[in-house]
C-alpha atoms as a PDB file:
ATOM      1  CA  MET A   1      -3.591  -3.067  39.071  1.00  0.00           C
ATOM      2  CA  LEU A   2      -4.274  -2.569  35.680  1.00  0.00           C
ATOM      3  CA  GLY A   3      -2.323   0.790  35.246  1.00  0.00           C
ATOM      4  CA  ALA A   4       0.863  -1.061  36.447  1.00  0.00           C
ATOM      5  CA  MET A   5       0.764  -3.827  33.765  1.00  0.00           C
ATOM      6  CA  GLY A   6       3.498  -3.645  30.919  1.00  0.00           C
ATOM      7  CA  ARG A   7       2.761  -4.632  27.606  1.00  0.00           C
ATOM      8  CA  GLU A   8       4.282  -8.166  27.824  1.00  0.00           C
ATOM      9  CA  GLU A   9       1.641  -8.978  30.256  1.00  0.00           C
ATOM     10  CA  MET A  10      -1.250  -7.631  28.041  1.00  0.00           C
ATOM     11  CA  ARG A  11      -3.364 -10.112  26.383  1.00  0.00           C
ATOM     12  CA  ALA A  12      -2.843 -10.776  22.634  1.00  0.00           C
ATOM     13  CA  GLY A  13      -5.529 -11.290  20.114  1.00  0.00           C
ATOM     14  CA  ASP A  14      -6.123 -13.257  17.099  1.00  0.00           C
ATOM     15  CA  ASP A  15      -5.087 -10.292  14.706  1.00  0.00           C
ATOM     16  CA  ASP A  16      -1.592 -10.470  16.660  1.00  0.00           C
ATOM     17  CA  ARG A  17      -1.242 -13.888  16.659  1.00  0.00           C
ATOM     18  CA  GLU A  18      -2.019 -13.924  12.801  1.00  0.00           C
ATOM     19  CA  ALA A  19       0.770 -11.348  12.339  1.00  0.00           C
ATOM     20  CA  VAL A  20       3.467 -13.127  14.007  1.00  0.00           C
ATOM     21  CA  ALA A  21       2.505 -16.248  11.991  1.00  0.00           C
ATOM     22  CA  ALA A  22       2.676 -14.178   8.852  1.00  0.00           C
ATOM     23  CA  ARG A  23       6.390 -13.091   9.928  1.00  0.00           C
ATOM     24  CA  LEU A  24       7.383 -16.750  10.771  1.00  0.00           C
ATOM     25  CA  LYS A  25       6.004 -18.028   7.134  1.00  0.00           C
ATOM     26  CA  GLU A  26       8.129 -14.940   5.520  1.00  0.00           C
ATOM     27  CA  ALA A  27      11.148 -16.315   7.722  1.00  0.00           C
ATOM     28  CA  LEU A  28      10.151 -19.778   6.612  1.00  0.00           C
ATOM     29  CA  ASP A  29      10.383 -18.551   2.820  1.00  0.00           C
ATOM     30  CA  GLN A  30      13.700 -16.687   3.347  1.00  0.00           C
ATOM     31  CA  GLY A  31      15.239 -19.943   4.250  1.00  0.00           C
ATOM     32  CA  ARG A  32      15.824 -18.681   7.993  1.00  0.00           C
ATOM     33  CA  LEU A  33      13.655 -21.322   9.746  1.00  0.00           C
ATOM     34  CA  ASP A  34      13.384 -25.106   8.419  1.00  0.00           C
ATOM     35  CA  LEU A  35      10.179 -26.565   8.593  1.00  0.00           C
ATOM     36  CA  HIS A  36      10.333 -28.353  12.037  1.00  0.00           C
ATOM     37  CA  GLU A  37      11.353 -25.153  13.823  1.00  0.00           C
ATOM     38  CA  TYR A  38       8.785 -23.349  11.975  1.00  0.00           C
ATOM     39  CA  ASP A  39       6.270 -25.631  13.230  1.00  0.00           C
ATOM     40  CA  GLU A  40       7.376 -25.573  16.652  1.00  0.00           C
ATOM     41  CA  ARG A  41       7.493 -21.691  16.695  1.00  0.00           C
ATOM     42  CA  LEU A  42       3.850 -21.707  14.972  1.00  0.00           C
ATOM     43  CA  GLN A  43       2.457 -23.869  17.824  1.00  0.00           C
ATOM     44  CA  ARG A  44       3.726 -21.740  20.513  1.00  0.00           C
ATOM     45  CA  VAL A  45       2.369 -18.676  18.742  1.00  0.00           C
ATOM     46  CA  TYR A  46      -1.112 -20.164  18.595  1.00  0.00           C
ATOM     47  CA  GLY A  47      -0.830 -20.829  21.936  1.00  0.00           C
ATOM     48  CA  ALA A  48       0.679 -17.754  23.367  1.00  0.00           C
ATOM     49  CA  LYS A  49      -1.579 -15.774  25.600  1.00  0.00           C
ATOM     50  CA  THR A  50       0.319 -12.449  26.005  1.00  0.00           C
ATOM     51  CA  TYR A  51       2.094 -10.080  23.906  1.00  0.00           C
ATOM     52  CA  GLY A  52       5.290 -11.007  25.958  1.00  0.00           C
ATOM     53  CA  GLU A  53       5.031 -14.696  24.685  1.00  0.00           C
ATOM     54  CA  LEU A  54       4.557 -13.487  20.979  1.00  0.00           C
ATOM     55  CA  GLU A  55       7.676 -11.704  21.111  1.00  0.00           C
ATOM     56  CA  THR A  56       9.891 -14.490  22.240  1.00  0.00           C
ATOM     57  CA  VAL A  57       8.866 -16.125  19.003  1.00  0.00           C
ATOM     58  CA  THR A  58      10.416 -13.919  16.720  1.00  0.00           C
ATOM     59  CA  THR A  59      13.149 -11.898  18.708  1.00  0.00           C
ATOM     60  CA  ASP A  60      15.986 -13.749  16.900  1.00  0.00           C
ATOM     61  CA  LEU A  61      14.704 -13.126  13.226  1.00  0.00           C
ATOM     62  CA  PRO A  62      16.027  -9.778  11.553  1.00  0.00           C
ATOM     63  CA  GLY A  63      13.677  -7.231  10.639  1.00  0.00           C
ATOM     64  CA  THR A  64      11.663  -7.677  13.815  1.00  0.00           C
ATOM     65  CA  VAL A  65      11.519  -4.759  16.136  1.00  0.00           C
ATOM     66  CA  PRO A  66       9.884  -5.425  19.634  1.00  0.00           C
ATOM     67  CA  PRO A  67       7.009  -2.616  20.251  1.00  0.00           C
ATOM     68  CA  ARG A  68       8.794  -1.094  23.160  1.00  0.00           C
ATOM     69  CA  GLN A  69      11.738   0.030  20.567  1.00  0.00           C
ATOM     70  CA  ALA A  70       9.351   0.676  17.594  1.00  0.00           C
ATOM     71  CA  ARG A  71       9.179   4.256  16.763  1.00  0.00           C
ATOM     72  CA  VAL A  72       6.225   5.979  14.953  1.00  0.00           C
ATOM     73  CA  ALA A  73       6.953   7.090  11.527  1.00  0.00           C
ATOM     74  CA  THR A  74       7.062  10.897  10.952  1.00  0.00           C
ATOM     75  CA  PRO A  75       4.253  11.620   8.274  1.00  0.00           C
ATOM     76  CA  GLN A  76       5.567  12.642   4.852  1.00  0.00           C
ATOM     77  CA  PRO A  77       4.454  16.087   3.616  1.00  0.00           C
ATOM     78  CA  ALA A  78       1.907  16.133   1.059  1.00  0.00           C
ATOM     79  CA  THR A  79       2.375  16.145  -2.837  1.00  0.00           C
ATOM     80  CA  ALA A  80       3.516  19.545  -4.153  1.00  0.00           C
ATOM     81  CA  VAL A  81       0.632  21.732  -5.483  1.00  0.00           C
ATOM     82  CA  GLY A  82       1.894  22.084  -8.761  1.00  0.00           C
ATOM     83  CA  LYS A  83       2.935  18.325  -9.432  1.00  0.00           C
ATOM     84  CA  ARG A  84       0.239  16.436 -11.542  1.00  0.00           C
ATOM     85  CA  PRO A  85      -1.016  12.932  -9.998  1.00  0.00           C
ATOM     86  CA  PRO A  86       0.042  10.172 -12.235  1.00  0.00           C
ATOM     87  CA  TYR A  87      -3.456   9.268 -13.462  1.00  0.00           C
ATOM     88  CA  LEU A  88      -3.800  12.747 -14.973  1.00  0.00           C
ATOM     89  CA  THR A  89      -0.415  12.016 -17.041  1.00  0.00           C
ATOM     90  CA  GLY A  90      -1.721   8.702 -18.189  1.00  0.00           C
ATOM     91  CA  TYR A  91      -5.181   9.815 -19.093  1.00  0.00           C
ATOM     92  CA  ALA A  92      -3.581  12.527 -20.764  1.00  0.00           C
ATOM     93  CA  GLY A  93      -1.640  10.181 -22.893  1.00  0.00           C
ATOM     94  CA  VAL A  94      -4.686   8.371 -23.910  1.00  0.00           C
ATOM     95  CA  VAL A  95      -6.473  11.576 -25.112  1.00  0.00           C
ATOM     96  CA  VAL A  96      -3.537  12.014 -27.287  1.00  0.00           C
ATOM     97  CA  VAL A  97      -3.433   8.611 -28.565  1.00  0.00           C
ATOM     98  CA  CYS A  98      -7.408   9.174 -29.603  1.00  0.00           C
ATOM     99  CA  VAL A  99      -6.661  12.495 -31.040  1.00  0.00           C
ATOM    100  CA  ILE A 100      -3.824  10.846 -33.203  1.00  0.00           C
ATOM    101  CA  ILE A 101      -6.361   8.269 -34.181  1.00  0.00           C
ATOM    102  CA  TRP A 102      -9.028  10.631 -35.124  1.00  0.00           C
ATOM    103  CA  LEU A 103      -6.628  12.883 -37.149  1.00  0.00           C
ATOM    104  CA  LEU A 104      -5.302   9.740 -39.049  1.00  0.00           C
ATOM    105  CA  SER A 105      -8.794   8.355 -40.026  1.00  0.00           C
ATOM    106  CA  SER A 106      -9.848  11.904 -41.183  1.00  0.00           C
ATOM    107  CA  LEU A 107      -6.643  12.039 -43.359  1.00  0.00           C
ATOM    108  CA  GLY A 108      -7.251   8.586 -44.817  1.00  0.00           C
ATOM    109  CA  SER A 109     -10.911   9.304 -45.459  1.00  0.00           C
ATOM    110  CA  GLY A 110     -10.049  12.496 -47.118  1.00  0.00           C
ATOM    111  CA  HIS A 111     -12.527  14.658 -45.308  1.00  0.00           C
ATOM    112  CA  TRP A 112     -12.532  15.585 -41.565  1.00  0.00           C
ATOM    113  CA  GLN A 113     -14.659  13.056 -39.254  1.00  0.00           C
ATOM    114  CA  TYR A 114     -16.466  14.180 -36.404  1.00  0.00           C
ATOM    115  CA  PRO A 115     -14.182  15.341 -33.439  1.00  0.00           C
ATOM    116  CA  TRP A 116     -15.094  12.425 -31.172  1.00  0.00           C
ATOM    117  CA  PRO A 117     -12.130  12.747 -28.904  1.00  0.00           C
ATOM    118  CA  ALA A 118     -13.432  16.137 -27.670  1.00  0.00           C
ATOM    119  CA  TRP A 119     -15.510  14.165 -25.368  1.00  0.00           C
ATOM    120  CA  MET A 120     -12.584  12.525 -23.711  1.00  0.00           C
ATOM    121  CA  LEU A 121     -11.218  15.971 -22.863  1.00  0.00           C
ATOM    122  CA  ILE A 122     -14.206  16.605 -20.549  1.00  0.00           C
ATOM    123  CA  PRO A 123     -12.962  14.610 -17.717  1.00  0.00           C
ATOM    124  CA  LEU A 124      -9.519  15.832 -18.014  1.00  0.00           C
ATOM    125  CA  VAL A 125     -10.503  19.264 -17.949  1.00  0.00           C
ATOM    126  CA  TRP A 126     -12.609  18.740 -14.944  1.00  0.00           C
ATOM    127  CA  SER A 127      -9.930  17.119 -13.030  1.00  0.00           C
ATOM    128  CA  PHE A 128      -7.518  20.156 -13.848  1.00  0.00           C
ATOM    129  CA  VAL A 129     -10.435  22.484 -12.652  1.00  0.00           C
ATOM    130  CA  GLY A 130     -10.732  20.495  -9.543  1.00  0.00           C
ATOM    131  CA  ARG A 131      -6.982  20.439  -8.936  1.00  0.00           C
ATOM    132  CA  SER A 132      -6.886  24.366  -9.385  1.00  0.00           C
ATOM    133  CA  ARG A 133      -9.527  24.566  -6.724  1.00  0.00           C
ATOM    134  CA  GLY A 134      -8.039  22.391  -4.355  1.00  0.00           C
ATOM    135  CA  HIS A 135     -10.364  19.589  -4.686  1.00  0.00           C
ATOM    136  CA  GLY A 136      -7.477  17.230  -5.498  1.00  0.00           C
ATOM    137  CA  ARG A 137      -5.935  17.021  -2.178  1.00  0.00           C
END
């Protein structure tokens, strides 16, 4: 008997009701529902026992795809091996700014200061080494 049951007759959970309530709130914010209709539908959502009852609440709202018509999204390919992740580019920019500050302070004082930006290169070098060995996937 359970094998012949369709999705519409299956019991909905609290998370399912919350998801539909959030969709109704979005429709209210977009002006697709007035406050009275939103309240009526929200009462139906929290009183719904099955997926079928939940589906009837949002069938006339755009952007809602019933589960039986929904398709699984195809996974996107991983980023290319040679492409740097955005955090590396940002951190490299910070290192460049620190080197410029060190250089300007050394020139301003008239003698070379301790090269403290070299310590900032350590995490950058480790990230490049990790990516080259394949750990950055």
